[in-house]
N, C-alpha and C. Protein backbone atom coordinates (compact mmCIF):
# COMPACT_ATOMS: atom_id res chain seq x y z
N MET A 1 -121.42 55.16 213.73
CA MET A 1 -120.94 54.35 214.83
C MET A 1 -119.42 54.21 214.70
N ILE A 2 -118.76 54.34 215.82
CA ILE A 2 -117.31 54.23 215.83
C ILE A 2 -116.94 52.83 216.31
N ASN A 3 -116.23 52.10 215.48
CA ASN A 3 -115.81 50.75 215.83
C ASN A 3 -114.37 50.70 216.31
N GLU A 4 -113.58 51.63 215.85
CA GLU A 4 -112.17 51.64 216.19
C GLU A 4 -111.78 53.03 216.60
N PRO A 5 -111.28 53.31 217.72
CA PRO A 5 -110.94 52.40 218.80
C PRO A 5 -112.18 51.91 219.54
N ALA A 6 -112.07 50.75 220.14
CA ALA A 6 -113.18 50.15 220.86
C ALA A 6 -113.54 50.96 222.10
N VAL A 7 -114.81 51.01 222.43
CA VAL A 7 -115.29 51.78 223.57
C VAL A 7 -114.64 51.29 224.86
N ASP A 8 -114.53 49.99 225.03
CA ASP A 8 -113.93 49.46 226.25
C ASP A 8 -112.47 49.89 226.40
N LYS A 9 -111.74 49.95 225.31
CA LYS A 9 -110.36 50.41 225.36
C LYS A 9 -110.29 51.89 225.73
N LEU A 10 -111.22 52.68 225.20
CA LEU A 10 -111.24 54.11 225.51
C LEU A 10 -111.57 54.34 226.98
N VAL A 11 -112.53 53.58 227.50
CA VAL A 11 -112.89 53.70 228.92
C VAL A 11 -111.69 53.33 229.78
N GLU A 12 -111.01 52.26 229.42
CA GLU A 12 -109.83 51.82 230.16
C GLU A 12 -108.72 52.87 230.11
N LYS A 13 -108.52 53.43 228.94
CA LYS A 13 -107.46 54.44 228.74
C LYS A 13 -107.78 55.73 229.49
N LEU A 14 -109.05 56.07 229.59
CA LEU A 14 -109.48 57.32 230.21
C LEU A 14 -109.34 57.27 231.72
N GLY A 15 -109.57 56.12 232.31
CA GLY A 15 -109.52 56.00 233.77
C GLY A 15 -108.18 55.49 234.25
N THR A 16 -108.10 55.29 235.56
CA THR A 16 -106.92 54.70 236.18
C THR A 16 -107.36 53.46 236.96
N LYS A 17 -106.41 52.70 237.45
CA LYS A 17 -106.76 51.51 238.23
C LYS A 17 -107.46 51.90 239.53
N GLU A 18 -107.02 53.00 240.13
CA GLU A 18 -107.64 53.46 241.37
C GLU A 18 -109.03 54.06 241.12
N HIS A 19 -109.17 54.76 240.00
CA HIS A 19 -110.42 55.45 239.65
C HIS A 19 -110.80 55.13 238.21
N PRO A 20 -111.40 53.97 237.98
CA PRO A 20 -111.78 53.63 236.60
C PRO A 20 -112.86 54.58 236.08
N ALA A 21 -112.80 54.85 234.80
CA ALA A 21 -113.80 55.72 234.16
C ALA A 21 -115.03 54.89 233.81
N SER A 22 -116.14 55.57 233.65
CA SER A 22 -117.38 54.91 233.23
C SER A 22 -117.66 55.29 231.77
N ARG A 23 -118.58 54.60 231.17
CA ARG A 23 -118.98 54.93 229.80
C ARG A 23 -119.61 56.32 229.74
N TYR A 24 -120.32 56.67 230.80
CA TYR A 24 -120.92 58.01 230.87
C TYR A 24 -119.84 59.08 230.85
N GLU A 25 -118.79 58.90 231.65
CA GLU A 25 -117.69 59.86 231.66
C GLU A 25 -117.02 59.95 230.29
N LEU A 26 -116.87 58.81 229.63
CA LEU A 26 -116.32 58.81 228.29
C LEU A 26 -117.17 59.66 227.36
N CYS A 27 -118.47 59.49 227.41
CA CYS A 27 -119.39 60.26 226.56
C CYS A 27 -119.26 61.75 226.82
N VAL A 28 -119.18 62.13 228.09
CA VAL A 28 -119.08 63.54 228.45
C VAL A 28 -117.77 64.13 227.94
N VAL A 29 -116.67 63.43 228.16
CA VAL A 29 -115.35 63.92 227.74
C VAL A 29 -115.29 64.05 226.22
N VAL A 30 -115.77 63.05 225.52
CA VAL A 30 -115.74 63.07 224.05
C VAL A 30 -116.63 64.19 223.51
N ALA A 31 -117.81 64.36 224.09
CA ALA A 31 -118.72 65.41 223.61
C ALA A 31 -118.14 66.80 223.84
N LYS A 32 -117.54 67.02 225.01
CA LYS A 32 -116.94 68.34 225.28
C LYS A 32 -115.78 68.62 224.33
N ARG A 33 -114.95 67.61 224.11
CA ARG A 33 -113.79 67.81 223.21
C ARG A 33 -114.26 68.01 221.78
N ALA A 34 -115.27 67.28 221.36
CA ALA A 34 -115.79 67.45 220.00
C ALA A 34 -116.32 68.87 219.80
N ARG A 35 -117.00 69.41 220.79
CA ARG A 35 -117.51 70.78 220.72
C ARG A 35 -116.34 71.77 220.64
N GLN A 36 -115.26 71.52 221.39
CA GLN A 36 -114.08 72.38 221.32
C GLN A 36 -113.45 72.35 219.93
N VAL A 37 -113.38 71.16 219.35
CA VAL A 37 -112.80 71.01 218.02
C VAL A 37 -113.64 71.77 216.99
N ILE A 38 -114.95 71.66 217.10
CA ILE A 38 -115.85 72.37 216.18
C ILE A 38 -115.66 73.88 216.31
N ASP A 39 -115.62 74.37 217.55
CA ASP A 39 -115.44 75.81 217.78
C ASP A 39 -114.10 76.31 217.26
N GLN A 40 -113.04 75.55 217.50
CA GLN A 40 -111.71 75.94 217.02
C GLN A 40 -111.67 75.96 215.49
N ALA A 41 -112.28 74.97 214.87
CA ALA A 41 -112.29 74.92 213.40
C ALA A 41 -113.07 76.10 212.83
N GLN A 42 -114.18 76.46 213.43
CA GLN A 42 -114.96 77.60 212.95
C GLN A 42 -114.19 78.90 213.11
N ASN A 43 -113.49 79.06 214.23
CA ASN A 43 -112.71 80.27 214.46
C ASN A 43 -111.55 80.40 213.49
N GLN A 44 -110.99 79.28 213.05
CA GLN A 44 -109.87 79.30 212.13
C GLN A 44 -110.30 79.19 210.67
N GLY A 45 -111.58 79.07 210.43
CA GLY A 45 -112.09 78.98 209.06
C GLY A 45 -111.86 77.64 208.40
N ILE A 46 -111.66 76.60 209.18
CA ILE A 46 -111.43 75.26 208.64
C ILE A 46 -112.78 74.60 208.39
N LYS A 47 -112.95 74.08 207.20
CA LYS A 47 -114.23 73.47 206.82
C LYS A 47 -114.33 72.01 207.26
N GLU A 48 -113.20 71.27 207.22
CA GLU A 48 -113.23 69.87 207.64
C GLU A 48 -111.88 69.47 208.21
N LEU A 49 -111.90 68.45 209.03
CA LEU A 49 -110.68 67.94 209.67
C LEU A 49 -109.88 67.11 208.68
N PRO A 50 -108.60 66.88 208.98
CA PRO A 50 -107.79 66.03 208.09
C PRO A 50 -108.42 64.66 207.90
N ASP A 51 -108.26 64.11 206.74
CA ASP A 51 -108.80 62.79 206.37
C ASP A 51 -110.32 62.73 206.50
N LYS A 52 -110.98 63.88 206.46
CA LYS A 52 -112.45 63.98 206.57
C LYS A 52 -112.96 63.29 207.83
N MET A 53 -112.17 63.35 208.89
CA MET A 53 -112.53 62.73 210.16
C MET A 53 -113.60 63.57 210.85
N LYS A 54 -114.54 62.92 211.48
CA LYS A 54 -115.57 63.60 212.25
C LYS A 54 -114.99 64.02 213.60
N GLU A 55 -115.61 65.01 214.22
CA GLU A 55 -115.10 65.57 215.47
C GLU A 55 -115.09 64.55 216.60
N ILE A 56 -116.11 63.72 216.66
CA ILE A 56 -116.17 62.71 217.71
C ILE A 56 -115.07 61.68 217.51
N ALA A 57 -114.84 61.25 216.30
CA ALA A 57 -113.76 60.31 216.02
C ALA A 57 -112.41 60.93 216.36
N PHE A 58 -112.26 62.22 216.08
CA PHE A 58 -111.03 62.95 216.40
C PHE A 58 -110.79 62.92 217.91
N ALA A 59 -111.82 63.19 218.69
CA ALA A 59 -111.70 63.18 220.15
C ALA A 59 -111.36 61.78 220.66
N CYS A 60 -111.96 60.76 220.07
CA CYS A 60 -111.66 59.39 220.48
C CYS A 60 -110.22 59.03 220.18
N ARG A 61 -109.72 59.47 219.05
CA ARG A 61 -108.31 59.21 218.70
C ARG A 61 -107.37 59.92 219.67
N GLU A 62 -107.76 61.10 220.14
CA GLU A 62 -106.94 61.81 221.11
C GLU A 62 -106.89 61.04 222.44
N ILE A 63 -107.98 60.45 222.85
CA ILE A 63 -107.99 59.64 224.07
C ILE A 63 -107.10 58.42 223.87
N GLU A 64 -107.25 57.79 222.73
CA GLU A 64 -106.48 56.58 222.44
C GLU A 64 -104.98 56.86 222.45
N SER A 65 -104.57 58.02 221.94
CA SER A 65 -103.15 58.34 221.87
C SER A 65 -102.61 58.94 223.17
N GLY A 66 -103.50 59.22 224.12
CA GLY A 66 -103.06 59.76 225.40
C GLY A 66 -103.00 61.28 225.46
N LYS A 67 -103.43 61.96 224.40
CA LYS A 67 -103.42 63.42 224.37
C LYS A 67 -104.56 64.03 225.19
N LEU A 68 -105.58 63.25 225.45
CA LEU A 68 -106.76 63.72 226.17
C LEU A 68 -107.01 62.79 227.35
N SER A 69 -107.22 63.40 228.51
CA SER A 69 -107.44 62.59 229.71
C SER A 69 -108.58 63.17 230.53
N LEU A 70 -108.98 62.40 231.51
CA LEU A 70 -110.08 62.78 232.39
C LEU A 70 -109.51 63.38 233.67
N THR A 71 -110.03 64.53 234.06
CA THR A 71 -109.67 65.11 235.35
C THR A 71 -110.94 65.25 236.17
N ARG A 72 -110.85 64.84 237.39
CA ARG A 72 -112.02 64.92 238.28
C ARG A 72 -111.82 66.08 239.24
N ASP A 73 -112.89 66.78 239.50
CA ASP A 73 -112.82 67.91 240.43
C ASP A 73 -112.92 67.46 241.86
């Protein structure tokens, strides 16, 4: 379970005032990014992420820092 960053903060960070994100959208974005991180690590021969961080936590940190955002089609 991820306690930090808080889910509500991630949902708020992911959406905008005009188009707020939902928890479902957060789950989808985090899952897709985690899969990308896993694939990239396997292609580069990396066994684990820095600080032994899990892929989902890594994706959540990217949302928190603003490196990852939601785009709607």
